[in-house]
PDB file of N, CA and C in Angstrom:
ATOM      1  N   UNK A   1     -25.707 111.582-154.675  1.00  0.00           N
ATOM      2  CA  UNK A   1     -25.904 112.999-154.874  1.00  0.00           C
ATOM      3  C   UNK A   1     -25.547 113.734-153.588  1.00  0.00           C
ATOM      4  N   UNK A   2     -24.877 114.840-153.725  1.00  0.00           N
ATOM      5  CA  UNK A   2     -24.547 115.712-152.607  1.00  0.00           C
ATOM      6  C   UNK A   2     -25.044 117.105-152.944  1.00  0.00           C
ATOM      7  N   UNK A   3     -25.543 117.770-151.934  1.00  0.00           N
ATOM      8  CA  UNK A   3     -26.043 119.132-152.121  1.00  0.00           C
ATOM      9  C   UNK A   3     -25.444 119.997-151.030  1.00  0.00           C
ATOM     10  N   UNK A   4     -24.986 121.176-151.399  1.00  0.00           N
ATOM     11  CA  UNK A   4     -24.478 122.127-150.417  1.00  0.00           C
ATOM     12  C   UNK A   4     -24.802 123.533-150.889  1.00  0.00           C
ATOM     13  N   UNK A   5     -24.799 124.441-149.948  1.00  0.00           N
ATOM     14  CA  UNK A   5     -25.008 125.848-150.291  1.00  0.00           C
ATOM     15  C   UNK A   5     -23.671 126.559-150.240  1.00  0.00           C
ATOM     16  N   UNK A   6     -23.457 127.409-151.217  1.00  0.00           N
ATOM     17  CA  UNK A   6     -22.240 128.209-151.257  1.00  0.00           C
ATOM     18  C   UNK A   6     -22.588 129.656-150.969  1.00  0.00           C
ATOM     19  N   UNK A   7     -21.666 130.382-150.365  1.00  0.00           N
ATOM     20  CA  UNK A   7     -21.871 131.826-150.273  1.00  0.00           C
ATOM     21  C   UNK A   7     -22.050 132.394-151.685  1.00  0.00           C
ATOM     22  N   UNK A   8     -22.797 133.461-151.797  1.00  0.00           N
ATOM     23  CA  UNK A   8     -23.127 134.047-153.098  1.00  0.00           C
ATOM     24  C   UNK A   8     -21.878 134.320-153.933  1.00  0.00           C
ATOM     25  N   UNK A   9     -20.859 134.905-153.329  1.00  0.00           N
ATOM     26  CA  UNK A   9     -19.634 135.224-154.076  1.00  0.00           C
ATOM     27  C   UNK A   9     -18.939 133.971-154.595  1.00  0.00           C
ATOM     28  N   UNK A  10     -18.909 132.912-153.775  1.00  0.00           N
ATOM     29  CA  UNK A  10     -18.280 131.654-154.204  1.00  0.00           C
ATOM     30  C   UNK A  10     -19.073 131.015-155.336  1.00  0.00           C
ATOM     31  N   UNK A  11     -20.399 131.047-155.236  1.00  0.00           N
ATOM     32  CA  UNK A  11     -21.232 130.500-156.299  1.00  0.00           C
ATOM     33  C   UNK A  11     -21.010 131.226-157.616  1.00  0.00           C
ATOM     34  N   UNK A  12     -20.898 132.546-157.532  1.00  0.00           N
ATOM     35  CA  UNK A  12     -20.641 133.337-158.734  1.00  0.00           C
ATOM     36  C   UNK A  12     -19.278 132.997-159.325  1.00  0.00           C
ATOM     37  N   UNK A  13     -18.289 132.780-158.467  1.00  0.00           N
ATOM     38  CA  UNK A  13     -16.945 132.437-158.951  1.00  0.00           C
ATOM     39  C   UNK A  13     -16.962 131.069-159.634  1.00  0.00           C
ATOM     40  N   UNK A  14     -17.696 130.115-159.077  1.00  0.00           N
ATOM     41  CA  UNK A  14     -17.793 128.785-159.692  1.00  0.00           C
ATOM     42  C   UNK A  14     -18.501 128.889-161.044  1.00  0.00           C
ATOM     43  N   UNK A  15     -19.599 129.644-161.083  1.00  0.00           N
ATOM     44  CA  UNK A  15     -20.320 129.808-162.357  1.00  0.00           C
ATOM     45  C   UNK A  15     -19.427 130.446-163.417  1.00  0.00           C
ATOM     46  N   UNK A  16     -18.677 131.481-163.028  1.00  0.00           N
ATOM     47  CA  UNK A  16     -17.790 132.144-163.986  1.00  0.00           C
ATOM     48  C   UNK A  16     -16.684 131.208-164.446  1.00  0.00           C
ATOM     49  N   UNK A  17     -16.119 130.432-163.528  1.00  0.00           N
ATOM     50  CA  UNK A  17     -15.076 129.479-163.894  1.00  0.00           C
ATOM     51  C   UNK A  17     -15.625 128.438-164.868  1.00  0.00           C
ATOM     52  N   UNK A  18     -16.839 127.945-164.615  1.00  0.00           N
ATOM     53  CA  UNK A  18     -17.459 126.968-165.512  1.00  0.00           C
ATOM     54  C   UNK A  18     -17.656 127.566-166.908  1.00  0.00           C
ATOM     55  N   UNK A  19     -18.094 128.805-166.952  1.00  0.00           N
ATOM     56  CA  UNK A  19     -18.277 129.474-168.248  1.00  0.00           C
ATOM     57  C   UNK A  19     -16.932 129.617-168.961  1.00  0.00           C
ATOM     58  N   UNK A  20     -15.915 130.060-168.206  1.00  0.00           N
ATOM     59  CA  UNK A  20     -14.585 130.257-168.798  1.00  0.00           C
ATOM     60  C   UNK A  20     -14.011 128.953-169.348  1.00  0.00           C
ATOM     61  N   UNK A  21     -14.267 127.842-168.646  1.00  0.00           N
ATOM     62  CA  UNK A  21     -13.740 126.535-169.065  1.00  0.00           C
ATOM     63  C   UNK A  21     -14.653 125.821-170.054  1.00  0.00           C
ATOM     64  N   UNK A  22     -15.864 126.364-170.235  1.00  0.00           N
ATOM     65  CA  UNK A  22     -16.892 125.715-171.055  1.00  0.00           C
ATOM     66  C   UNK A  22     -17.226 124.330-170.489  1.00  0.00           C
ATOM     67  N   UNK A  23     -17.348 124.278-169.162  1.00  0.00           N
ATOM     68  CA  UNK A  23     -17.716 123.059-168.433  1.00  0.00           C
ATOM     69  C   UNK A  23     -19.079 123.273-167.798  1.00  0.00           C
ATOM     70  N   UNK A  24     -19.693 122.168-167.386  1.00  0.00           N
ATOM     71  CA  UNK A  24     -20.925 122.273-166.601  1.00  0.00           C
ATOM     72  C   UNK A  24     -20.564 122.701-165.182  1.00  0.00           C
ATOM     73  N   UNK A  25     -21.538 123.230-164.461  1.00  0.00           N
ATOM     74  CA  UNK A  25     -21.299 123.583-163.055  1.00  0.00           C
ATOM     75  C   UNK A  25     -20.897 122.335-162.279  1.00  0.00           C
ATOM     76  N   UNK A  26     -21.573 121.235-162.564  1.00  0.00           N
ATOM     77  CA  UNK A  26     -21.300 119.982-161.852  1.00  0.00           C
ATOM     78  C   UNK A  26     -19.860 119.516-162.077  1.00  0.00           C
ATOM     79  N   UNK A  27     -19.406 119.550-163.329  1.00  0.00           N
ATOM     80  CA  UNK A  27     -18.024 119.137-163.621  1.00  0.00           C
ATOM     81  C   UNK A  27     -17.021 120.075-162.969  1.00  0.00           C
ATOM     82  N   UNK A  28     -17.330 121.356-162.947  1.00  0.00           N
ATOM     83  CA  UNK A  28     -16.438 122.337-162.333  1.00  0.00           C
ATOM     84  C   UNK A  28     -16.335 122.087-160.831  1.00  0.00           C
ATOM     85  N   UNK A  29     -17.477 121.904-160.182  1.00  0.00           N
ATOM     86  CA  UNK A  29     -17.460 121.626-158.741  1.00  0.00           C
ATOM     87  C   UNK A  29     -16.752 120.312-158.438  1.00  0.00           C
ATOM     88  N   UNK A  30     -16.975 119.280-159.253  1.00  0.00           N
ATOM     89  CA  UNK A  30     -16.307 117.995-159.043  1.00  0.00           C
ATOM     90  C   UNK A  30     -14.787 118.151-159.135  1.00  0.00           C
ATOM     91  N   UNK A  31     -14.320 118.922-160.113  1.00  0.00           N
ATOM     92  CA  UNK A  31     -12.876 119.140-160.266  1.00  0.00           C
ATOM     93  C   UNK A  31     -12.310 119.904-159.071  1.00  0.00           C
ATOM     94  N   UNK A  32     -13.038 120.922-158.613  1.00  0.00           N
ATOM     95  CA  UNK A  32     -12.575 121.691-157.451  1.00  0.00           C
ATOM     96  C   UNK A  32     -12.530 120.820-156.193  1.00  0.00           C
ATOM     97  N   UNK A  33     -13.517 119.969-156.024  1.00  0.00           N
ATOM     98  CA  UNK A  33     -13.529 119.066-154.867  1.00  0.00           C
ATOM     99  C   UNK A  33     -12.376 118.075-154.957  1.00  0.00           C
ATOM    100  N   UNK A  34     -12.128 117.530-156.157  1.00  0.00           N
ATOM    101  CA  UNK A  34     -11.020 116.591-156.351  1.00  0.00           C
ATOM    102  C   UNK A  34      -9.694 117.249-155.972  1.00  0.00           C
ATOM    103  N   UNK A  35      -9.483 118.493-156.422  1.00  0.00           N
ATOM    104  CA  UNK A  35      -8.262 119.226-156.066  1.00  0.00           C
ATOM    105  C   UNK A  35      -8.218 119.456-154.561  1.00  0.00           C
ATOM    106  N   UNK A  36      -9.347 119.832-153.975  1.00  0.00           N
ATOM    107  CA  UNK A  36      -9.409 120.053-152.533  1.00  0.00           C
ATOM    108  C   UNK A  36      -9.073 118.799-151.744  1.00  0.00           C
ATOM    109  N   UNK A  37      -9.565 117.650-152.194  1.00  0.00           N
ATOM    110  CA  UNK A  37      -9.277 116.401-151.498  1.00  0.00           C
ATOM    111  C   UNK A  37      -7.803 116.034-151.581  1.00  0.00           C
ATOM    112  N   UNK A  38      -7.177 116.372-152.691  1.00  0.00           N
ATOM    113  CA  UNK A  38      -5.738 116.114-152.832  1.00  0.00           C
ATOM    114  C   UNK A  38      -4.915 116.998-151.896  1.00  0.00           C
ATOM    115  N   UNK A  39      -5.507 118.120-151.467  1.00  0.00           N
ATOM    116  CA  UNK A  39      -4.792 119.074-150.605  1.00  0.00           C
ATOM    117  C   UNK A  39      -5.458 119.192-149.238  1.00  0.00           C
ATOM    118  N   UNK A  40      -6.188 118.148-148.827  1.00  0.00           N
ATOM    119  CA  UNK A  40      -6.954 118.221-147.572  1.00  0.00           C
ATOM    120  C   UNK A  40      -6.089 118.418-146.349  1.00  0.00           C
ATOM    121  N   UNK A  41      -4.802 118.099-146.452  1.00  0.00           N
ATOM    122  CA  UNK A  41      -3.907 118.318-145.309  1.00  0.00           C
ATOM    123  C   UNK A  41      -3.744 119.810-145.010  1.00  0.00           C
ATOM    124  N   UNK A  42      -4.157 120.678-145.921  1.00  0.00           N
ATOM    125  CA  UNK A  42      -4.083 122.117-145.700  1.00  0.00           C
ATOM    126  C   UNK A  42      -5.311 122.665-144.980  1.00  0.00           C
ATOM    127  N   UNK A  43      -6.334 121.832-144.809  1.00  0.00           N
ATOM    128  CA  UNK A  43      -7.535 122.269-144.090  1.00  0.00           C
ATOM    129  C   UNK A  43      -7.243 122.366-142.601  1.00  0.00           C
ATOM    130  N   UNK A  44      -7.979 123.193-141.893  1.00  0.00           N
ATOM    131  CA  UNK A  44      -7.781 123.258-140.448  1.00  0.00           C
ATOM    132  C   UNK A  44      -8.131 121.922-139.800  1.00  0.00           C
ATOM    133  N   UNK A  45      -7.530 121.671-138.661  1.00  0.00           N
ATOM    134  CA  UNK A  45      -7.795 120.425-137.933  1.00  0.00           C
ATOM    135  C   UNK A  45      -9.272 120.365-137.558  1.00  0.00           C
ATOM    136  N   UNK A  46      -9.851 119.173-137.600  1.00  0.00           N
ATOM    137  CA  UNK A  46     -11.267 119.059-137.214  1.00  0.00           C
ATOM    138  C   UNK A  46     -11.449 119.415-135.749  1.00  0.00           C
ATOM    139  N   UNK A  47     -12.558 120.042-135.451  1.00  0.00           N
ATOM    140  CA  UNK A  47     -12.828 120.373-134.054  1.00  0.00           C
ATOM    141  C   UNK A  47     -13.661 119.256-133.451  1.00  0.00           C
ATOM    142  N   UNK A  48     -13.410 118.973-132.224  1.00  0.00           N
ATOM    143  CA  UNK A  48     -14.126 117.916-131.532  1.00  0.00           C
ATOM    144  C   UNK A  48     -15.401 118.514-130.953  1.00  0.00           C
ATOM    145  N   UNK A  49     -16.535 118.182-131.550  1.00  0.00           N
ATOM    146  CA  UNK A  49     -17.802 118.772-131.114  1.00  0.00           C
ATOM    147  C   UNK A  49     -18.272 118.163-129.799  1.00  0.00           C
ATOM    148  N   UNK A  50     -17.669 117.039-129.377  1.00  0.00           N
ATOM    149  CA  UNK A  50     -18.056 116.426-128.108  1.00  0.00           C
ATOM    150  C   UNK A  50     -17.441 117.142-126.915  1.00  0.00           C
ATOM    151  N   UNK A  51     -16.342 117.856-127.168  1.00  0.00           N
ATOM    152  CA  UNK A  51     -15.690 118.562-126.075  1.00  0.00           C
ATOM    153  C   UNK A  51     -16.401 119.891-125.840  1.00  0.00           C
ATOM    154  N   UNK A  52     -16.789 120.116-124.610  1.00  0.00           N
ATOM    155  CA  UNK A  52     -17.449 121.369-124.270  1.00  0.00           C
ATOM    156  C   UNK A  52     -16.688 121.991-123.117  1.00  0.00           C
ATOM    157  N   UNK A  53     -16.416 123.275-123.249  1.00  0.00           N
ATOM    158  CA  UNK A  53     -15.702 123.966-122.186  1.00  0.00           C
ATOM    159  C   UNK A  53     -16.624 124.142-120.979  1.00  0.00           C
ATOM    160  N   UNK A  54     -16.009 124.143-119.816  1.00  0.00           N
ATOM    161  CA  UNK A  54     -16.789 124.379-118.607  1.00  0.00           C
ATOM    162  C   UNK A  54     -17.195 125.846-118.532  1.00  0.00           C
ATOM    163  N   UNK A  55     -18.391 126.060-118.039  1.00  0.00           N
ATOM    164  CA  UNK A  55     -18.841 127.423-117.820  1.00  0.00           C
ATOM    165  C   UNK A  55     -18.358 127.888-116.455  1.00  0.00           C
ATOM    166  N   UNK A  56     -17.914 129.119-116.331  1.00  0.00           N
ATOM    167  CA  UNK A  56     -17.425 129.599-115.045  1.00  0.00           C
ATOM    168  C   UNK A  56     -18.571 129.694-114.040  1.00  0.00           C
ATOM    169  N   UNK A  57     -18.291 129.295-112.812  1.00  0.00           N
ATOM    170  CA  UNK A  57     -19.262 129.444-111.743  1.00  0.00           C
ATOM    171  C   UNK A  57     -19.039 130.787-111.094  1.00  0.00           C
ATOM    172  N   UNK A  58     -20.055 131.629-111.124  1.00  0.00           N
ATOM    173  CA  UNK A  58     -19.904 132.966-110.566  1.00  0.00           C
ATOM    174  C   UNK A  58     -20.683 133.143-109.272  1.00  0.00           C
ATOM    175  N   UNK A  59     -21.610 132.222-108.995  1.00  0.00           N
ATOM    176  CA  UNK A  59     -22.409 132.313-107.776  1.00  0.00           C
ATOM    177  C   UNK A  59     -22.518 130.944-107.119  1.00  0.00           C
ATOM    178  N   UNK A  60     -22.540 130.935-105.825  1.00  0.00           N
ATOM    179  CA  UNK A  60     -22.779 129.686-105.096  1.00  0.00           C
ATOM    180  C   UNK A  60     -24.271 129.575-104.839  1.00  0.00           C
ATOM    181  N   UNK A  61     -24.787 128.367-104.902  1.00  0.00           N
ATOM    182  CA  UNK A  61     -26.233 128.179-104.660  1.00  0.00           C
ATOM    183  C   UNK A  61     -26.541 128.107-103.200  1.00  0.00           C
TER     184      UNK A  61
END
């Protein structure tokens, strides 16, 4: 099981799409994720959370 929160507008769009397709929300989200995974090369490059920029030194101790 996976759980995520969607912005309100995105959640409404998923609900409307599910209604239009006569699918469950779960099936609709699964299909959207499957399509997204097939096109994952279009996502932005992952950011390296281990890299931290140096803070500028403005005063000498």
